[in-house]
């Protein structure tokens, strides 16, 4: 069974993608800043990743057959001021 690692897996698209992949018989690893606070399910588990510190669960990456990168700034969370646009560009 192939394994897909998803960054941003707790977001709207990532969550749906993870469920779809499990239905298609993939193992899924969701990278999270708080993996211990999340519950996995059959064929879904969480692994640690903190982009701010550069820490990542290397074993999860080694297990990956595919990586889908969906992590990013929530562009609808705040007003689009000049400084906010700069934040989004730099992420």
PDB file of N, CA and C in Angstrom:
ATOM      1  N   UNK A   1       0.849  -1.172   0.000  1.00  0.00           N
ATOM      2  CA  UNK A   1       0.000   0.000   0.000  1.00  0.00           C
ATOM      3  C   UNK A   1       0.898   1.240   0.000  1.00  0.00           C
ATOM      4  N   UNK A   2       0.630   2.167  -0.896  1.00  0.00           N
ATOM      5  CA  UNK A   2       1.438   3.372  -0.984  1.00  0.00           C
ATOM      6  C   UNK A   2       1.027   4.393   0.076  1.00  0.00           C
ATOM      7  N   UNK A   3       1.981   5.268   0.402  1.00  0.00           N
ATOM      8  CA  UNK A   3       1.767   6.250   1.455  1.00  0.00           C
ATOM      9  C   UNK A   3       1.876   7.656   0.902  1.00  0.00           C
ATOM     10  N   UNK A   4       0.915   8.498   1.287  1.00  0.00           N
ATOM     11  CA  UNK A   4       0.896   9.900   0.897  1.00  0.00           C
ATOM     12  C   UNK A   4       1.042  10.753   2.149  1.00  0.00           C
ATOM     13  N   UNK A   5       1.996  11.656   2.146  1.00  0.00           N
ATOM     14  CA  UNK A   5       2.157  12.633   3.223  1.00  0.00           C
ATOM     15  C   UNK A   5       1.511  13.926   2.762  1.00  0.00           C
ATOM     16  N   UNK A   6       0.695  14.519   3.636  1.00  0.00           N
ATOM     17  CA  UNK A   6       0.003  15.763   3.296  1.00  0.00           C
ATOM     18  C   UNK A   6       0.366  16.834   4.312  1.00  0.00           C
ATOM     19  N   UNK A   7       0.865  17.972   3.827  1.00  0.00           N
ATOM     20  CA  UNK A   7       1.001  19.147   4.683  1.00  0.00           C
ATOM     21  C   UNK A   7      -0.302  19.920   4.539  1.00  0.00           C
ATOM     22  N   UNK A   8      -0.765  20.532   5.607  1.00  0.00           N
ATOM     23  CA  UNK A   8      -2.045  21.238   5.538  1.00  0.00           C
ATOM     24  C   UNK A   8      -3.223  20.287   5.521  1.00  0.00           C
ATOM     25  N   UNK A   9      -3.027  19.101   6.059  1.00  0.00           N
ATOM     26  CA  UNK A   9      -4.059  18.074   6.023  1.00  0.00           C
ATOM     27  C   UNK A   9      -5.254  18.331   6.916  1.00  0.00           C
ATOM     28  N   UNK A  10      -5.130  19.274   7.843  1.00  0.00           N
ATOM     29  CA  UNK A  10      -6.279  19.562   8.699  1.00  0.00           C
ATOM     30  C   UNK A  10      -7.163  20.658   8.108  1.00  0.00           C
ATOM     31  N   UNK A  11      -6.743  21.237   6.999  1.00  0.00           N
ATOM     32  CA  UNK A  11      -7.546  22.248   6.329  1.00  0.00           C
ATOM     33  C   UNK A  11      -8.662  21.621   5.511  1.00  0.00           C
ATOM     34  N   UNK A  12      -9.470  22.450   4.909  1.00  0.00           N
ATOM     35  CA  UNK A  12     -10.640  21.995   4.169  1.00  0.00           C
ATOM     36  C   UNK A  12     -10.268  21.027   3.039  1.00  0.00           C
ATOM     37  N   UNK A  13      -9.363  21.418   2.182  1.00  0.00           N
ATOM     38  CA  UNK A  13      -8.990  20.567   1.055  1.00  0.00           C
ATOM     39  C   UNK A  13      -8.211  19.348   1.536  1.00  0.00           C
ATOM     40  N   UNK A  14      -7.251  19.569   2.441  1.00  0.00           N
ATOM     41  CA  UNK A  14      -6.434  18.462   2.946  1.00  0.00           C
ATOM     42  C   UNK A  14      -7.254  17.391   3.631  1.00  0.00           C
ATOM     43  N   UNK A  15      -8.235  17.801   4.387  1.00  0.00           N
ATOM     44  CA  UNK A  15      -9.101  16.861   5.095  1.00  0.00           C
ATOM     45  C   UNK A  15      -9.866  15.990   4.107  1.00  0.00           C
ATOM     46  N   UNK A  16     -10.448  16.598   3.099  1.00  0.00           N
ATOM     47  CA  UNK A  16     -11.194  15.844   2.092  1.00  0.00           C
ATOM     48  C   UNK A  16     -10.271  14.945   1.266  1.00  0.00           C
ATOM     49  N   UNK A  17      -9.084  15.456   0.937  1.00  0.00           N
ATOM     50  CA  UNK A  17      -8.131  14.662   0.182  1.00  0.00           C
ATOM     51  C   UNK A  17      -7.706  13.430   0.971  1.00  0.00           C
ATOM     52  N   UNK A  18      -7.440  13.599   2.262  1.00  0.00           N
ATOM     53  CA  UNK A  18      -7.031  12.465   3.097  1.00  0.00           C
ATOM     54  C   UNK A  18      -8.102  11.382   3.111  1.00  0.00           C
ATOM     55  N   UNK A  19      -9.352  11.774   3.285  1.00  0.00           N
ATOM     56  CA  UNK A  19     -10.450  10.798   3.295  1.00  0.00           C
ATOM     57  C   UNK A  19     -10.571  10.093   1.944  1.00  0.00           C
ATOM     58  N   UNK A  20     -10.437  10.847   0.874  1.00  0.00           N
ATOM     59  CA  UNK A  20     -10.507  10.264  -0.468  1.00  0.00           C
ATOM     60  C   UNK A  20      -9.383   9.247  -0.674  1.00  0.00           C
ATOM     61  N   UNK A  21      -8.174   9.612  -0.268  1.00  0.00           N
ATOM     62  CA  UNK A  21      -7.029   8.713  -0.454  1.00  0.00           C
ATOM     63  C   UNK A  21      -7.193   7.416   0.330  1.00  0.00           C
ATOM     64  N   UNK A  22      -7.735   7.503   1.524  1.00  0.00           N
ATOM     65  CA  UNK A  22      -7.984   6.287   2.316  1.00  0.00           C
ATOM     66  C   UNK A  22      -8.991   5.400   1.592  1.00  0.00           C
ATOM     67  N   UNK A  23     -10.026   6.012   1.037  1.00  0.00           N
ATOM     68  CA  UNK A  23     -11.022   5.236   0.272  1.00  0.00           C
ATOM     69  C   UNK A  23     -10.387   4.567  -0.946  1.00  0.00           C
ATOM     70  N   UNK A  24      -9.323   5.185  -1.469  1.00  0.00           N
ATOM     71  CA  UNK A  24      -8.623   4.637  -2.634  1.00  0.00           C
ATOM     72  C   UNK A  24      -7.489   3.698  -2.212  1.00  0.00           C
ATOM     73  N   UNK A  25      -7.450   3.336  -0.942  1.00  0.00           N
ATOM     74  CA  UNK A  25      -6.515   2.355  -0.401  1.00  0.00           C
ATOM     75  C   UNK A  25      -5.074   2.847  -0.259  1.00  0.00           C
ATOM     76  N   UNK A  26      -4.915   4.097   0.141  1.00  0.00           N
ATOM     77  CA  UNK A  26      -3.599   4.649   0.473  1.00  0.00           C
ATOM     78  C   UNK A  26      -3.481   4.789   1.990  1.00  0.00           C
ATOM     79  N   UNK A  27      -2.259   4.697   2.486  1.00  0.00           N
ATOM     80  CA  UNK A  27      -1.961   5.143   3.844  1.00  0.00           C
ATOM     81  C   UNK A  27      -1.720   6.639   3.752  1.00  0.00           C
ATOM     82  N   UNK A  28      -2.158   7.388   4.766  1.00  0.00           N
ATOM     83  CA  UNK A  28      -2.008   8.840   4.761  1.00  0.00           C
ATOM     84  C   UNK A  28      -1.336   9.284   6.058  1.00  0.00           C
ATOM     85  N   UNK A  29      -0.346  10.145   5.910  1.00  0.00           N
ATOM     86  CA  UNK A  29       0.306  10.768   7.062  1.00  0.00           C
ATOM     87  C   UNK A  29       0.078  12.265   6.935  1.00  0.00           C
ATOM     88  N   UNK A  30      -0.522  12.857   7.953  1.00  0.00           N
ATOM     89  CA  UNK A  30      -0.767  14.298   7.974  1.00  0.00           C
ATOM     90  C   UNK A  30       0.295  14.962   8.841  1.00  0.00           C
ATOM     91  N   UNK A  31       1.046  15.878   8.265  1.00  0.00           N
ATOM     92  CA  UNK A  31       2.040  16.607   9.049  1.00  0.00           C
ATOM     93  C   UNK A  31       1.340  17.710   9.828  1.00  0.00           C
ATOM     94  N   UNK A  32       1.694  17.834  11.095  1.00  0.00           N
ATOM     95  CA  UNK A  32       1.003  18.761  11.979  1.00  0.00           C
ATOM     96  C   UNK A  32       1.968  19.331  13.005  1.00  0.00           C
ATOM     97  N   UNK A  33       1.704  20.576  13.418  1.00  0.00           N
ATOM     98  CA  UNK A  33       2.501  21.170  14.509  1.00  0.00           C
ATOM     99  C   UNK A  33       2.142  20.532  15.841  1.00  0.00           C
ATOM    100  N   UNK A  34       0.963  19.937  15.929  1.00  0.00           N
ATOM    101  CA  UNK A  34       0.512  19.307  17.179  1.00  0.00           C
ATOM    102  C   UNK A  34       0.038  17.880  16.918  1.00  0.00           C
ATOM    103  N   UNK A  35       0.931  16.990  16.529  1.00  0.00           N
ATOM    104  CA  UNK A  35       0.492  15.629  16.177  1.00  0.00           C
ATOM    105  C   UNK A  35      -0.094  14.862  17.353  1.00  0.00           C
ATOM    106  N   UNK A  36       0.351  15.155  18.566  1.00  0.00           N
ATOM    107  CA  UNK A  36      -0.144  14.436  19.743  1.00  0.00           C
ATOM    108  C   UNK A  36      -1.574  14.817  20.106  1.00  0.00           C
ATOM    109  N   UNK A  37      -2.034  15.961  19.639  1.00  0.00           N
ATOM    110  CA  UNK A  37      -3.388  16.419  19.954  1.00  0.00           C
ATOM    111  C   UNK A  37      -4.415  15.940  18.940  1.00  0.00           C
ATOM    112  N   UNK A  38      -3.945  15.303  17.887  1.00  0.00           N
ATOM    113  CA  UNK A  38      -4.842  14.847  16.823  1.00  0.00           C
ATOM    114  C   UNK A  38      -5.024  13.343  16.900  1.00  0.00           C
ATOM    115  N   UNK A  39      -6.207  12.901  16.565  1.00  0.00           N
ATOM    116  CA  UNK A  39      -6.481  11.464  16.518  1.00  0.00           C
ATOM    117  C   UNK A  39      -6.473  11.019  15.073  1.00  0.00           C
ATOM    118  N   UNK A  40      -5.763   9.973  14.805  1.00  0.00           N
ATOM    119  CA  UNK A  40      -5.795   9.398  13.469  1.00  0.00           C
ATOM    120  C   UNK A  40      -6.978   8.446  13.364  1.00  0.00           C
ATOM    121  N   UNK A  41      -7.037   7.764  12.271  1.00  0.00           N
ATOM    122  CA  UNK A  41      -8.055   6.734  12.077  1.00  0.00           C
ATOM    123  C   UNK A  41      -7.410   5.636  11.254  1.00  0.00           C
ATOM    124  N   UNK A  42      -8.191   4.707  10.792  1.00  0.00           N
ATOM    125  CA  UNK A  42      -7.640   3.634   9.979  1.00  0.00           C
ATOM    126  C   UNK A  42      -6.950   4.232   8.763  1.00  0.00           C
ATOM    127  N   UNK A  43      -5.697   3.922   8.594  1.00  0.00           N
ATOM    128  CA  UNK A  43      -4.864   4.372   7.479  1.00  0.00           C
ATOM    129  C   UNK A  43      -4.536   5.866   7.489  1.00  0.00           C
ATOM    130  N   UNK A  44      -4.858   6.580   8.560  1.00  0.00           N
ATOM    131  CA  UNK A  44      -4.452   7.987   8.698  1.00  0.00           C
ATOM    132  C   UNK A  44      -3.734   8.141  10.032  1.00  0.00           C
ATOM    133  N   UNK A  45      -2.541   8.736   9.981  1.00  0.00           N
ATOM    134  CA  UNK A  45      -1.844   9.051  11.226  1.00  0.00           C
ATOM    135  C   UNK A  45      -1.208  10.426  11.112  1.00  0.00           C
ATOM    136  N   UNK A  46      -0.831  10.971  12.238  1.00  0.00           N
ATOM    137  CA  UNK A  46      -0.245  12.304  12.291  1.00  0.00           C
ATOM    138  C   UNK A  46       1.229  12.208  12.623  1.00  0.00           C
ATOM    139  N   UNK A  47       2.007  13.112  12.053  1.00  0.00           N
ATOM    140  CA  UNK A  47       3.434  13.203  12.326  1.00  0.00           C
ATOM    141  C   UNK A  47       3.770  14.677  12.548  1.00  0.00           C
ATOM    142  N   UNK A  48       4.842  14.930  13.264  1.00  0.00           N
ATOM    143  CA  UNK A  48       5.206  16.298  13.629  1.00  0.00           C
ATOM    144  C   UNK A  48       5.937  17.063  12.540  1.00  0.00           C
ATOM    145  N   UNK A  49       5.571  18.343  12.425  1.00  0.00           N
ATOM    146  CA  UNK A  49       6.278  19.263  11.540  1.00  0.00           C
ATOM    147  C   UNK A  49       6.072  20.666  12.073  1.00  0.00           C
ATOM    148  N   UNK A  50       7.173  21.359  12.338  1.00  0.00           N
ATOM    149  CA  UNK A  50       7.103  22.742  12.776  1.00  0.00           C
ATOM    150  C   UNK A  50       7.939  23.586  11.815  1.00  0.00           C
ATOM    151  N   UNK A  51       7.311  24.228  10.843  1.00  0.00           N
ATOM    152  CA  UNK A  51       8.056  25.007   9.859  1.00  0.00           C
ATOM    153  C   UNK A  51       8.873  26.139  10.481  1.00  0.00           C
ATOM    154  N   UNK A  52       8.410  26.668  11.604  1.00  0.00           N
ATOM    155  CA  UNK A  52       9.110  27.780  12.240  1.00  0.00           C
ATOM    156  C   UNK A  52      10.479  27.370  12.771  1.00  0.00           C
ATOM    157  N   UNK A  53      10.571  26.144  13.273  1.00  0.00           N
ATOM    158  CA  UNK A  53      11.834  25.677  13.846  1.00  0.00           C
ATOM    159  C   UNK A  53      12.599  24.749  12.915  1.00  0.00           C
ATOM    160  N   UNK A  54      11.951  24.324  11.838  1.00  0.00           N
ATOM    161  CA  UNK A  54      12.593  23.409  10.901  1.00  0.00           C
ATOM    162  C   UNK A  54      12.535  21.954  11.334  1.00  0.00           C
ATOM    163  N   UNK A  55      11.813  21.666  12.414  1.00  0.00           N
ATOM    164  CA  UNK A  55      11.693  20.284  12.891  1.00  0.00           C
ATOM    165  C   UNK A  55      10.660  19.535  12.050  1.00  0.00           C
ATOM    166  N   UNK A  56      11.007  18.273  11.714  1.00  0.00           N
ATOM    167  CA  UNK A  56      10.079  17.447  10.948  1.00  0.00           C
ATOM    168  C   UNK A  56      10.328  15.983  11.307  1.00  0.00           C
ATOM    169  N   UNK A  57       9.290  15.198  11.264  1.00  0.00           N
ATOM    170  CA  UNK A  57       9.399  13.761  11.513  1.00  0.00           C
ATOM    171  C   UNK A  57      10.009  13.122  10.263  1.00  0.00           C
ATOM    172  N   UNK A  58      11.300  12.876  10.312  1.00  0.00           N
ATOM    173  CA  UNK A  58      12.013  12.356   9.136  1.00  0.00           C
ATOM    174  C   UNK A  58      11.507  10.980   8.722  1.00  0.00           C
ATOM    175  N   UNK A  59      11.061  10.191   9.690  1.00  0.00           N
ATOM    176  CA  UNK A  59      10.544   8.858   9.366  1.00  0.00           C
ATOM    177  C   UNK A  59       9.311   8.968   8.458  1.00  0.00           C
ATOM    178  N   UNK A  60       8.456   9.951   8.732  1.00  0.00           N
ATOM    179  CA  UNK A  60       7.258  10.145   7.907  1.00  0.00           C
ATOM    180  C   UNK A  60       7.647  10.467   6.468  1.00  0.00           C
ATOM    181  N   UNK A  61       8.664  11.302   6.294  1.00  0.00           N
ATOM    182  CA  UNK A  61       9.109  11.666   4.951  1.00  0.00           C
ATOM    183  C   UNK A  61       9.713  10.452   4.246  1.00  0.00           C
ATOM    184  N   UNK A  62      10.472   9.657   4.988  1.00  0.00           N
ATOM    185  CA  UNK A  62      11.082   8.460   4.409  1.00  0.00           C
ATOM    186  C   UNK A  62      10.032   7.444   3.964  1.00  0.00           C
ATOM    187  N   UNK A  63       8.892   7.409   4.649  1.00  0.00           N
ATOM    188  CA  UNK A  63       7.818   6.473   4.303  1.00  0.00           C
ATOM    189  C   UNK A  63       7.022   6.916   3.086  1.00  0.00           C
ATOM    190  N   UNK A  64       7.132   8.179   2.722  1.00  0.00           N
ATOM    191  CA  UNK A  64       6.280   8.753   1.683  1.00  0.00           C
ATOM    192  C   UNK A  64       6.617   8.242   0.294  1.00  0.00           C
ATOM    193  N   UNK A  65       5.577   7.845  -0.407  1.00  0.00           N
ATOM    194  CA  UNK A  65       5.692   7.597  -1.834  1.00  0.00           C
ATOM    195  C   UNK A  65       5.355   8.883  -2.593  1.00  0.00           C
ATOM    196  N   UNK A  66       4.494   9.695  -1.972  1.00  0.00           N
ATOM    197  CA  UNK A  66       4.072  10.972  -2.545  1.00  0.00           C
ATOM    198  C   UNK A  66       3.941  11.981  -1.419  1.00  0.00           C
ATOM    199  N   UNK A  67       4.187  13.252  -1.747  1.00  0.00           N
ATOM    200  CA  UNK A  67       3.971  14.342  -0.791  1.00  0.00           C
ATOM    201  C   UNK A  67       3.099  15.389  -1.477  1.00  0.00           C
ATOM    202  N   UNK A  68       2.028  15.784  -0.788  1.00  0.00           N
ATOM    203  CA  UNK A  68       1.134  16.829  -1.287  1.00  0.00           C
ATOM    204  C   UNK A  68       1.260  18.010  -0.321  1.00  0.00           C
ATOM    205  N   UNK A  69       1.694  19.147  -0.838  1.00  0.00           N
ATOM    206  CA  UNK A  69       1.931  20.321   0.009  1.00  0.00           C
ATOM    207  C   UNK A  69       0.754  21.285  -0.106  1.00  0.00           C
ATOM    208  N   UNK A  70      -0.055  21.325   0.940  1.00  0.00           N
ATOM    209  CA  UNK A  70      -1.225  22.205   0.970  1.00  0.00           C
ATOM    210  C   UNK A  70      -1.144  23.240   2.089  1.00  0.00           C
ATOM    211  N   UNK A  71      -0.072  23.202   2.873  1.00  0.00           N
ATOM    212  CA  UNK A  71       0.049  24.128   3.999  1.00  0.00           C
ATOM    213  C   UNK A  71       0.276  25.544   3.477  1.00  0.00           C
ATOM    214  N   UNK A  72      -0.247  26.486   4.193  1.00  0.00           N
ATOM    215  CA  UNK A  72      -0.045  27.878   3.820  1.00  0.00           C
ATOM    216  C   UNK A  72      -0.857  28.791   4.707  1.00  0.00           C
ATOM    217  N   UNK A  73      -0.743  30.041   4.437  1.00  0.00           N
ATOM    218  CA  UNK A  73      -1.443  31.055   5.208  1.00  0.00           C
ATOM    219  C   UNK A  73      -2.916  31.066   4.819  1.00  0.00           C
ATOM    220  N   UNK A  74      -3.779  31.225   5.804  1.00  0.00           N
ATOM    221  CA  UNK A  74      -5.211  31.357   5.548  1.00  0.00           C
ATOM    222  C   UNK A  74      -5.458  32.756   4.991  1.00  0.00           C
ATOM    223  N   UNK A  75      -5.640  32.842   3.682  1.00  0.00           N
ATOM    224  CA  UNK A  75      -5.738  34.157   3.048  1.00  0.00           C
ATOM    225  C   UNK A  75      -7.040  34.893   3.374  1.00  0.00           C
ATOM    226  N   UNK A  76      -8.004  34.193   3.937  1.00  0.00           N
ATOM    227  CA  UNK A  76      -9.267  34.844   4.292  1.00  0.00           C
ATOM    228  C   UNK A  76      -9.370  35.207   5.760  1.00  0.00           C
ATOM    229  N   UNK A  77      -8.295  34.991   6.520  1.00  0.00           N
ATOM    230  CA  UNK A  77      -8.357  35.184   7.969  1.00  0.00           C
ATOM    231  C   UNK A  77      -8.359  36.650   8.393  1.00  0.00           C
ATOM    232  N   UNK A  78      -7.711  37.511   7.613  1.00  0.00           N
ATOM    233  CA  UNK A  78      -7.580  38.923   7.990  1.00  0.00           C
ATOM    234  C   UNK A  78      -7.748  39.798   6.758  1.00  0.00           C
ATOM    235  N   UNK A  79      -7.891  41.096   6.985  1.00  0.00           N
ATOM    236  CA  UNK A  79      -7.978  42.047   5.879  1.00  0.00           C
ATOM    237  C   UNK A  79      -6.682  42.065   5.083  1.00  0.00           C
ATOM    238  N   UNK A  80      -6.783  42.370   3.811  1.00  0.00           N
ATOM    239  CA  UNK A  80      -5.624  42.382   2.920  1.00  0.00           C
ATOM    240  C   UNK A  80      -4.950  43.753   2.919  1.00  0.00           C
ATOM    241  N   UNK A  81      -4.307  44.079   4.023  1.00  0.00           N
ATOM    242  CA  UNK A  81      -3.530  45.316   4.095  1.00  0.00           C
ATOM    243  C   UNK A  81      -2.209  45.096   3.367  1.00  0.00           C
ATOM    244  N   UNK A  82      -1.449  46.168   3.173  1.00  0.00           N
ATOM    245  CA  UNK A  82      -0.143  46.047   2.504  1.00  0.00           C
ATOM    246  C   UNK A  82       0.769  45.105   3.288  1.00  0.00           C
ATOM    247  N   UNK A  83       0.766  45.212   4.610  1.00  0.00           N
ATOM    248  CA  UNK A  83       1.640  44.341   5.403  1.00  0.00           C
ATOM    249  C   UNK A  83       1.157  42.888   5.369  1.00  0.00           C
ATOM    250  N   UNK A  84      -0.157  42.695   5.327  1.00  0.00           N
ATOM    251  CA  UNK A  84      -0.707  41.340   5.249  1.00  0.00           C
ATOM    252  C   UNK A  84      -0.339  40.688   3.920  1.00  0.00           C
ATOM    253  N   UNK A  85      -0.416  41.422   2.835  1.00  0.00           N
ATOM    254  CA  UNK A  85      -0.022  40.901   1.528  1.00  0.00           C
ATOM    255  C   UNK A  85       1.436  40.482   1.552  1.00  0.00           C
ATOM    256  N   UNK A  86       2.274  41.260   2.217  1.00  0.00           N
ATOM    257  CA  UNK A  86       3.709  40.920   2.318  1.00  0.00           C
ATOM    258  C   UNK A  86       3.882  39.617   3.097  1.00  0.00           C
ATOM    259  N   UNK A  87       3.113  39.442   4.176  1.00  0.00           N
ATOM    260  CA  UNK A  87       3.170  38.201   4.968  1.00  0.00           C
ATOM    261  C   UNK A  87       2.840  36.988   4.089  1.00  0.00           C
ATOM    262  N   UNK A  88       1.772  37.100   3.309  1.00  0.00           N
ATOM    263  CA  UNK A  88       1.335  35.995   2.451  1.00  0.00           C
ATOM    264  C   UNK A  88       2.390  35.694   1.404  1.00  0.00           C
ATOM    265  N   UNK A  89       2.978  36.699   0.826  1.00  0.00           N
ATOM    266  CA  UNK A  89       4.013  36.496  -0.186  1.00  0.00           C
ATOM    267  C   UNK A  89       5.237  35.792   0.386  1.00  0.00           C
ATOM    268  N   UNK A  90       5.555  36.060   1.623  1.00  0.00           N
ATOM    269  CA  UNK A  90       6.784  35.534   2.232  1.00  0.00           C
ATOM    270  C   UNK A  90       6.624  34.159   2.857  1.00  0.00           C
ATOM    271  N   UNK A  91       5.448  33.610   2.822  1.00  0.00           N
ATOM    272  CA  UNK A  91       5.241  32.278   3.446  1.00  0.00           C
ATOM    273  C   UNK A  91       5.597  31.193   2.494  1.00  0.00           C
TER     274      UNK A  91
END
